[in-house]
All heavy atoms as atom14 arrays in JSON, in Angstrom:
{
  "sequence": "ISPQPINLRIFSPNVLTLTLVDLPGLTKVPVGDQPK",
  "atom14_mask": [
    [1, 1, 1, 1, 1, 1, 1, 1, 0, 0, 0, 0, 0, 0],
    [1, 1, 1, 1, 1, 1, 0, 0, 0, 0, 0, 0, 0, 0],
    [1, 1, 1, 1, 1, 1, 1, 0, 0, 0, 0, 0, 0, 0],
    [1, 1, 1, 1, 1, 1, 1, 1, 1, 0, 0, 0, 0, 0],
    [1, 1, 1, 1, 1, 1, 1, 0, 0, 0, 0, 0, 0, 0],
    [1, 1, 1, 1, 1, 1, 1, 1, 0, 0, 0, 0, 0, 0],
    [1, 1, 1, 1, 1, 1, 1, 1, 0, 0, 0, 0, 0, 0],
    [1, 1, 1, 1, 1, 1, 1, 1, 0, 0, 0, 0, 0, 0],
    [1, 1, 1, 1, 1, 1, 1, 1, 1, 1, 1, 0, 0, 0],
    [1, 1, 1, 1, 1, 1, 1, 1, 0, 0, 0, 0, 0, 0],
    [1, 1, 1, 1, 1, 1, 1, 1, 1, 1, 1, 0, 0, 0],
    [1, 1, 1, 1, 1, 1, 0, 0, 0, 0, 0, 0, 0, 0],
    [1, 1, 1, 1, 1, 1, 1, 0, 0, 0, 0, 0, 0, 0],
    [1, 1, 1, 1, 1, 1, 1, 1, 0, 0, 0, 0, 0, 0],
    [1, 1, 1, 1, 1, 1, 1, 0, 0, 0, 0, 0, 0, 0],
    [1, 1, 1, 1, 1, 1, 1, 1, 0, 0, 0, 0, 0, 0],
    [1, 1, 1, 1, 1, 1, 1, 0, 0, 0, 0, 0, 0, 0],
    [1, 1, 1, 1, 1, 1, 1, 1, 0, 0, 0, 0, 0, 0],
    [1, 1, 1, 1, 1, 1, 1, 0, 0, 0, 0, 0, 0, 0],
    [1, 1, 1, 1, 1, 1, 1, 1, 0, 0, 0, 0, 0, 0],
    [1, 1, 1, 1, 1, 1, 1, 0, 0, 0, 0, 0, 0, 0],
    [1, 1, 1, 1, 1, 1, 1, 1, 0, 0, 0, 0, 0, 0],
    [1, 1, 1, 1, 1, 1, 1, 1, 0, 0, 0, 0, 0, 0],
    [1, 1, 1, 1, 1, 1, 1, 0, 0, 0, 0, 0, 0, 0],
    [1, 1, 1, 1, 0, 0, 0, 0, 0, 0, 0, 0, 0, 0],
    [1, 1, 1, 1, 1, 1, 1, 1, 0, 0, 0, 0, 0, 0],
    [1, 1, 1, 1, 1, 1, 1, 0, 0, 0, 0, 0, 0, 0],
    [1, 1, 1, 1, 1, 1, 1, 1, 1, 0, 0, 0, 0, 0],
    [1, 1, 1, 1, 1, 1, 1, 0, 0, 0, 0, 0, 0, 0],
    [1, 1, 1, 1, 1, 1, 1, 0, 0, 0, 0, 0, 0, 0],
    [1, 1, 1, 1, 1, 1, 1, 0, 0, 0, 0, 0, 0, 0],
    [1, 1, 1, 1, 0, 0, 0, 0, 0, 0, 0, 0, 0, 0],
    [1, 1, 1, 1, 1, 1, 1, 1, 0, 0, 0, 0, 0, 0],
    [1, 1, 1, 1, 1, 1, 1, 1, 1, 0, 0, 0, 0, 0],
    [1, 1, 1, 1, 1, 1, 1, 0, 0, 0, 0, 0, 0, 0],
    [1, 1, 1, 1, 1, 1, 1, 1, 1, 0, 0, 0, 0, 0]
  ],
  "atom14_positions": [
    [[-23.81, -4.77, -10.66], [-23.39, -5.96, -9.92], [-23.76, -7.21, -10.7], [-24.58, -7.14, -11.63], [-24.02, -6.03, -8.5], [-25.55, -6.16, -8.59], [-23.63, -4.82, -7.67], [-26.2, -6.45, -7.26], [0.0, 0.0, 0.0], [0.0, 0.0, 0.0], [0.0, 0.0, 0.0], [0.0, 0.0, 0.0], [0.0, 0.0, 0.0], [0.0, 0.0, 0.0]],
    [[-23.16, -8.34, -10.33], [-23.44, -9.62, -10.99], [-23.44, -10.7, -9.92], [-22.58, -10.69, -9.04], [-22.39, -9.93, -12.04], [-22.48, -11.26, -12.48], [0.0, 0.0, 0.0], [0.0, 0.0, 0.0], [0.0, 0.0, 0.0], [0.0, 0.0, 0.0], [0.0, 0.0, 0.0], [0.0, 0.0, 0.0], [0.0, 0.0, 0.0], [0.0, 0.0, 0.0]],
    [[-24.36, -11.68, -10.03], [-24.41, -12.77, -9.05], [-23.37, -13.86, -9.33], [-23.18, -14.76, -8.51], [-25.83, -13.32, -9.21], [-26.18, -13.04, -10.63], [-25.49, -11.76, -11.0], [0.0, 0.0, 0.0], [0.0, 0.0, 0.0], [0.0, 0.0, 0.0], [0.0, 0.0, 0.0], [0.0, 0.0, 0.0], [0.0, 0.0, 0.0], [0.0, 0.0, 0.0]],
    [[-22.67, -13.77, -10.49], [-21.67, -14.8, -10.82], [-20.44, -14.62, -9.96], [-19.78, -13.56, -9.97], [-21.31, -14.72, -12.3], [-20.4, -15.88, -12.75], [-20.18, -15.84, -14.24], [-20.88, -15.12, -14.97], [-19.22, -16.6, -14.71], [0.0, 0.0, 0.0], [0.0, 0.0, 0.0], [0.0, 0.0, 0.0], [0.0, 0.0, 0.0], [0.0, 0.0, 0.0]],
    [[-20.06, -15.6, -9.17], [-18.96, -15.41, -8.2], [-17.58, -15.47, -8.82], [-17.38, -16.02, -9.91], [-19.17, -16.58, -7.22], [-19.81, -17.66, -8.04], [-20.66, -16.94, -9.05], [0.0, 0.0, 0.0], [0.0, 0.0, 0.0], [0.0, 0.0, 0.0], [0.0, 0.0, 0.0], [0.0, 0.0, 0.0], [0.0, 0.0, 0.0], [0.0, 0.0, 0.0]],
    [[-16.63, -14.88, -8.12], [-15.21, -15.04, -8.42], [-14.63, -15.99, -7.38], [-14.84, -15.8, -6.17], [-14.46, -13.68, -8.35], [-15.04, -12.72, -9.38], [-12.97, -13.89, -8.55], [-14.44, -11.33, -9.28], [0.0, 0.0, 0.0], [0.0, 0.0, 0.0], [0.0, 0.0, 0.0], [0.0, 0.0, 0.0], [0.0, 0.0, 0.0], [0.0, 0.0, 0.0]],
    [[-13.95, -17.03, -7.8], [-13.36, -18.0, -6.87], [-11.85, -17.73, -6.76], [-11.13, -17.81, -7.75], [-13.59, -19.43, -7.36], [-15.03, -19.84, -7.2], [-15.92, -19.33, -7.85], [-15.27, -20.8, -6.33], [0.0, 0.0, 0.0], [0.0, 0.0, 0.0], [0.0, 0.0, 0.0], [0.0, 0.0, 0.0], [0.0, 0.0, 0.0], [0.0, 0.0, 0.0]],
    [[-11.42, -17.41, -5.55], [-10.01, -17.1, -5.29], [-9.5, -17.98, -4.16], [-10.11, -18.05, -3.1], [-9.86, -15.62, -4.91], [-8.49, -15.18, -4.4], [-7.41, -15.39, -5.47], [-8.54, -13.74, -3.92], [0.0, 0.0, 0.0], [0.0, 0.0, 0.0], [0.0, 0.0, 0.0], [0.0, 0.0, 0.0], [0.0, 0.0, 0.0], [0.0, 0.0, 0.0]],
    [[-8.36, -18.67, -4.4], [-7.7, -19.43, -3.36], [-6.43, -18.69, -2.98], [-5.69, -18.23, -3.82], [-7.32, -20.82, -3.87], [-8.44, -21.76, -4.18], [-7.85, -23.02, -4.74], [-8.87, -23.99, -5.1], [-8.6, -25.11, -5.79], [-7.38, -25.36, -6.18], [-9.58, -25.95, -6.08], [0.0, 0.0, 0.0], [0.0, 0.0, 0.0], [0.0, 0.0, 0.0]],
    [[-6.21, -18.64, -1.67], [-4.95, -18.07, -1.17], [-4.24, -19.11, -0.31], [-4.8, -19.63, 0.66], [-5.2, -16.77, -0.36], [-5.72, -15.68, -1.28], [-3.93, -16.33, 0.36], [-6.02, -14.37, -0.63], [0.0, 0.0, 0.0], [0.0, 0.0, 0.0], [0.0, 0.0, 0.0], [0.0, 0.0, 0.0], [0.0, 0.0, 0.0], [0.0, 0.0, 0.0]],
    [[-3.04, -19.45, -0.74], [-2.21, -20.41, -0.04], [-1.18, -19.65, 0.81], [-0.48, -18.81, 0.27], [-1.49, -21.35, -1.01], [-2.43, -22.16, -1.87], [-3.01, -21.64, -3.02], [-2.72, -23.48, -1.55], [-3.83, -22.39, -3.81], [-3.57, -24.25, -2.32], [-4.14, -23.69, -3.47], [0.0, 0.0, 0.0], [0.0, 0.0, 0.0], [0.0, 0.0, 0.0]],
    [[-1.13, -19.95, 2.1], [-0.22, -19.2, 2.97], [0.01, -19.94, 4.27], [-0.91, -20.59, 4.8], [-0.79, -17.81, 3.27], [-0.04, -17.15, 4.26], [0.0, 0.0, 0.0], [0.0, 0.0, 0.0], [0.0, 0.0, 0.0], [0.0, 0.0, 0.0], [0.0, 0.0, 0.0], [0.0, 0.0, 0.0], [0.0, 0.0, 0.0], [0.0, 0.0, 0.0]],
    [[1.22, -19.88, 4.82], [1.45, -20.45, 6.17], [0.86, -19.58, 7.27], [0.84, -19.99, 8.43], [2.98, -20.52, 6.25], [3.45, -19.45, 5.35], [2.45, -19.34, 4.22], [0.0, 0.0, 0.0], [0.0, 0.0, 0.0], [0.0, 0.0, 0.0], [0.0, 0.0, 0.0], [0.0, 0.0, 0.0], [0.0, 0.0, 0.0], [0.0, 0.0, 0.0]],
    [[0.38, -18.39, 6.9], [-0.07, -17.41, 7.91], [-1.59, -17.36, 8.05], [-2.12, -16.48, 8.7], [0.45, -16.02, 7.55], [1.96, -16.01, 7.43], [2.66, -16.58, 8.25], [2.46, -15.32, 6.38], [0.0, 0.0, 0.0], [0.0, 0.0, 0.0], [0.0, 0.0, 0.0], [0.0, 0.0, 0.0], [0.0, 0.0, 0.0], [0.0, 0.0, 0.0]],
    [[-2.29, -18.27, 7.35], [-3.76, -18.29, 7.44], [-4.22, -19.61, 7.99], [-3.53, -20.65, 7.87], [-4.43, -18.04, 6.05], [-4.05, -16.69, 5.51], [-4.08, -19.15, 5.09], [0.0, 0.0, 0.0], [0.0, 0.0, 0.0], [0.0, 0.0, 0.0], [0.0, 0.0, 0.0], [0.0, 0.0, 0.0], [0.0, 0.0, 0.0], [0.0, 0.0, 0.0]],
    [[-5.42, -19.6, 8.58], [-6.09, -20.83, 8.95], [-6.96, -21.27, 7.76], [-7.5, -20.43, 7.04], [-6.97, -20.62, 10.17], [-6.25, -20.39, 11.5], [-7.25, -20.04, 12.59], [-5.41, -21.59, 11.91], [0.0, 0.0, 0.0], [0.0, 0.0, 0.0], [0.0, 0.0, 0.0], [0.0, 0.0, 0.0], [0.0, 0.0, 0.0], [0.0, 0.0, 0.0]],
    [[-7.03, -22.59, 7.55], [-7.89, -23.08, 6.44], [-9.33, -22.66, 6.7], [-9.9, -22.99, 7.74], [-7.79, -24.6, 6.36], [-6.42, -24.93, 6.11], [-8.65, -25.13, 5.22], [0.0, 0.0, 0.0], [0.0, 0.0, 0.0], [0.0, 0.0, 0.0], [0.0, 0.0, 0.0], [0.0, 0.0, 0.0], [0.0, 0.0, 0.0], [0.0, 0.0, 0.0]],
    [[-9.87, -21.89, 5.74], [-11.14, -21.24, 5.99], [-11.77, -20.87, 4.63], [-11.05, -20.6, 3.69], [-10.94, -19.99, 6.83], [-12.12, -19.31, 7.51], [-12.81, -20.25, 8.47], [-11.66, -18.06, 8.23], [0.0, 0.0, 0.0], [0.0, 0.0, 0.0], [0.0, 0.0, 0.0], [0.0, 0.0, 0.0], [0.0, 0.0, 0.0], [0.0, 0.0, 0.0]],
    [[-13.08, -20.86, 4.55], [-13.77, -20.43, 3.33], [-14.76, -19.33, 3.67], [-15.6, -19.52, 4.55], [-14.49, -21.59, 2.64], [-13.57, -22.63, 2.33], [-15.16, -21.12, 1.35], [0.0, 0.0, 0.0], [0.0, 0.0, 0.0], [0.0, 0.0, 0.0], [0.0, 0.0, 0.0], [0.0, 0.0, 0.0], [0.0, 0.0, 0.0], [0.0, 0.0, 0.0]],
    [[-14.63, -18.19, 2.98], [-15.51, -17.05, 3.23], [-16.09, -16.61, 1.9], [-15.45, -16.7, 0.86], [-14.7, -15.87, 3.83], [-14.0, -16.16, 5.16], [-12.86, -15.19, 5.36], [-14.98, -16.05, 6.31], [0.0, 0.0, 0.0], [0.0, 0.0, 0.0], [0.0, 0.0, 0.0], [0.0, 0.0, 0.0], [0.0, 0.0, 0.0], [0.0, 0.0, 0.0]],
    [[-17.34, -16.14, 1.95], [-17.99, -15.57, 0.77], [-18.2, -14.08, 1.04], [-19.04, -13.69, 1.85], [-19.32, -16.25, 0.43], [-19.91, -15.64, -0.83], [-19.11, -17.76, 0.26], [0.0, 0.0, 0.0], [0.0, 0.0, 0.0], [0.0, 0.0, 0.0], [0.0, 0.0, 0.0], [0.0, 0.0, 0.0], [0.0, 0.0, 0.0], [0.0, 0.0, 0.0]],
    [[-17.44, -13.22, 0.35], [-17.58, -11.79, 0.51], [-18.66, -11.26, -0.45], [-18.55, -11.46, -1.65], [-16.23, -11.11, 0.25], [-16.3, -9.59, 0.52], [-17.16, -9.18, 1.3], [-15.49, -8.86, -0.09], [0.0, 0.0, 0.0], [0.0, 0.0, 0.0], [0.0, 0.0, 0.0], [0.0, 0.0, 0.0], [0.0, 0.0, 0.0], [0.0, 0.0, 0.0]],
    [[-19.67, -10.63, 0.11], [-20.8, -10.15, -0.69], [-20.76, -8.61, -0.8], [-20.2, -7.94, 0.08], [-22.11, -10.6, -0.09], [-22.33, -12.13, -0.07], [-23.5, -12.52, 0.82], [-22.51, -12.67, -1.47], [0.0, 0.0, 0.0], [0.0, 0.0, 0.0], [0.0, 0.0, 0.0], [0.0, 0.0, 0.0], [0.0, 0.0, 0.0], [0.0, 0.0, 0.0]],
    [[-21.38, -8.05, -1.84], [-21.38, -6.58, -1.97], [-21.95, -5.9, -0.74], [-22.86, -6.4, -0.09], [-22.27, -6.34, -3.2], [-22.19, -7.62, -4.0], [-22.04, -8.7, -2.97], [0.0, 0.0, 0.0], [0.0, 0.0, 0.0], [0.0, 0.0, 0.0], [0.0, 0.0, 0.0], [0.0, 0.0, 0.0], [0.0, 0.0, 0.0], [0.0, 0.0, 0.0]],
    [[-21.38, -4.74, -0.45], [-21.86, -3.96, 0.72], [-23.23, -3.38, 0.47], [-23.55, -2.96, -0.64], [0.0, 0.0, 0.0], [0.0, 0.0, 0.0], [0.0, 0.0, 0.0], [0.0, 0.0, 0.0], [0.0, 0.0, 0.0], [0.0, 0.0, 0.0], [0.0, 0.0, 0.0], [0.0, 0.0, 0.0], [0.0, 0.0, 0.0], [0.0, 0.0, 0.0]],
    [[-24.02, -3.34, 1.51], [-25.38, -2.79, 1.39], [-25.34, -1.27, 1.17], [-24.57, -0.55, 1.78], [-26.17, -3.09, 2.69], [-26.51, -4.56, 2.9], [-26.77, -4.86, 4.37], [-27.72, -4.93, 2.07], [0.0, 0.0, 0.0], [0.0, 0.0, 0.0], [0.0, 0.0, 0.0], [0.0, 0.0, 0.0], [0.0, 0.0, 0.0], [0.0, 0.0, 0.0]],
    [[-26.16, -0.83, 0.23], [-26.26, 0.59, -0.08], [-27.73, 0.95, -0.19], [-28.59, 0.1, -0.38], [-25.53, 0.92, -1.41], [-25.56, 2.31, -1.61], [-26.18, 0.21, -2.58], [0.0, 0.0, 0.0], [0.0, 0.0, 0.0], [0.0, 0.0, 0.0], [0.0, 0.0, 0.0], [0.0, 0.0, 0.0], [0.0, 0.0, 0.0], [0.0, 0.0, 0.0]],
    [[-28.02, 2.21, -0.08], [-29.44, 2.65, -0.12], [-29.71, 3.59, -1.28], [-30.82, 3.57, -1.84], [-29.8, 3.37, 1.21], [-29.73, 2.44, 2.42], [-30.25, 3.13, 3.68], [-30.16, 2.19, 4.86], [-31.0, 1.0, 4.71], [0.0, 0.0, 0.0], [0.0, 0.0, 0.0], [0.0, 0.0, 0.0], [0.0, 0.0, 0.0], [0.0, 0.0, 0.0]],
    [[-28.73, 4.41, -1.69], [-29.0, 5.43, -2.71], [-28.07, 5.17, -3.92], [-26.86, 5.03, -3.75], [-28.72, 6.86, -2.17], [-29.0, 7.9, -3.26], [-29.56, 7.11, -0.94], [0.0, 0.0, 0.0], [0.0, 0.0, 0.0], [0.0, 0.0, 0.0], [0.0, 0.0, 0.0], [0.0, 0.0, 0.0], [0.0, 0.0, 0.0], [0.0, 0.0, 0.0]],
    [[-28.64, 5.03, -5.13], [-27.82, 4.86, -6.32], [-26.89, 6.04, -6.54], [-27.3, 7.18, -6.35], [-28.83, 4.71, -7.46], [-30.15, 4.42, -6.8], [-30.08, 5.08, -5.46], [0.0, 0.0, 0.0], [0.0, 0.0, 0.0], [0.0, 0.0, 0.0], [0.0, 0.0, 0.0], [0.0, 0.0, 0.0], [0.0, 0.0, 0.0], [0.0, 0.0, 0.0]],
    [[-25.64, 5.79, -6.93], [-24.68, 6.85, -7.17], [-24.16, 6.71, -8.58], [-23.85, 5.63, -9.04], [-23.5, 6.75, -6.14], [-22.47, 7.82, -6.43], [-24.03, 6.85, -4.72], [0.0, 0.0, 0.0], [0.0, 0.0, 0.0], [0.0, 0.0, 0.0], [0.0, 0.0, 0.0], [0.0, 0.0, 0.0], [0.0, 0.0, 0.0], [0.0, 0.0, 0.0]],
    [[-24.02, 7.87, -9.26], [-23.47, 7.85, -10.6], [-24.27, 7.03, -11.56], [-25.5, 7.22, -11.71], [0.0, 0.0, 0.0], [0.0, 0.0, 0.0], [0.0, 0.0, 0.0], [0.0, 0.0, 0.0], [0.0, 0.0, 0.0], [0.0, 0.0, 0.0], [0.0, 0.0, 0.0], [0.0, 0.0, 0.0], [0.0, 0.0, 0.0], [0.0, 0.0, 0.0]],
    [[-23.61, 6.06, -12.22], [-24.26, 5.22, -13.23], [-24.9, 3.97, -12.64], [-25.28, 3.07, -13.4], [-23.24, 4.81, -14.28], [-22.76, 5.99, -15.11], [-23.55, 6.97, -15.22], [-21.63, 5.94, -15.61], [0.0, 0.0, 0.0], [0.0, 0.0, 0.0], [0.0, 0.0, 0.0], [0.0, 0.0, 0.0], [0.0, 0.0, 0.0], [0.0, 0.0, 0.0]],
    [[-24.97, 3.89, -11.34], [-25.55, 2.68, -10.74], [-27.02, 2.54, -11.12], [-27.73, 3.53, -11.26], [-25.45, 2.74, -9.2], [-24.05, 2.6, -8.67], [-23.99, 2.7, -7.16], [-25.01, 3.0, -6.51], [-22.81, 2.47, -6.59], [0.0, 0.0, 0.0], [0.0, 0.0, 0.0], [0.0, 0.0, 0.0], [0.0, 0.0, 0.0], [0.0, 0.0, 0.0]],
    [[-27.48, 1.29, -11.3], [-28.9, 1.08, -11.6], [-29.79, 1.64, -10.5], [-29.42, 1.68, -9.33], [-29.03, -0.44, -11.66], [-27.62, -0.95, -11.89], [-26.7, 0.04, -11.24], [0.0, 0.0, 0.0], [0.0, 0.0, 0.0], [0.0, 0.0, 0.0], [0.0, 0.0, 0.0], [0.0, 0.0, 0.0], [0.0, 0.0, 0.0], [0.0, 0.0, 0.0]],
    [[-30.99, 2.08, -10.9], [-31.92, 2.68, -9.94], [-32.32, 1.69, -8.83], [-32.61, 2.08, -7.72], [-33.15, 3.2, -10.66], [-32.87, 4.29, -11.67], [-32.2, 5.52, -11.07], [-31.96, 6.59, -12.11], [-31.23, 7.76, -11.52], [0.0, 0.0, 0.0], [0.0, 0.0, 0.0], [0.0, 0.0, 0.0], [0.0, 0.0, 0.0], [0.0, 0.0, 0.0]]
  ]
}
């Protein structure tokens, strides 16, 4: 994972003007090559 954000704007007549920050989902056990 990285703390550097990705900034995405979506323009649409079907959305309300809103700003959300989506963060990585919480996990408990490392899988595969994930850091310990």
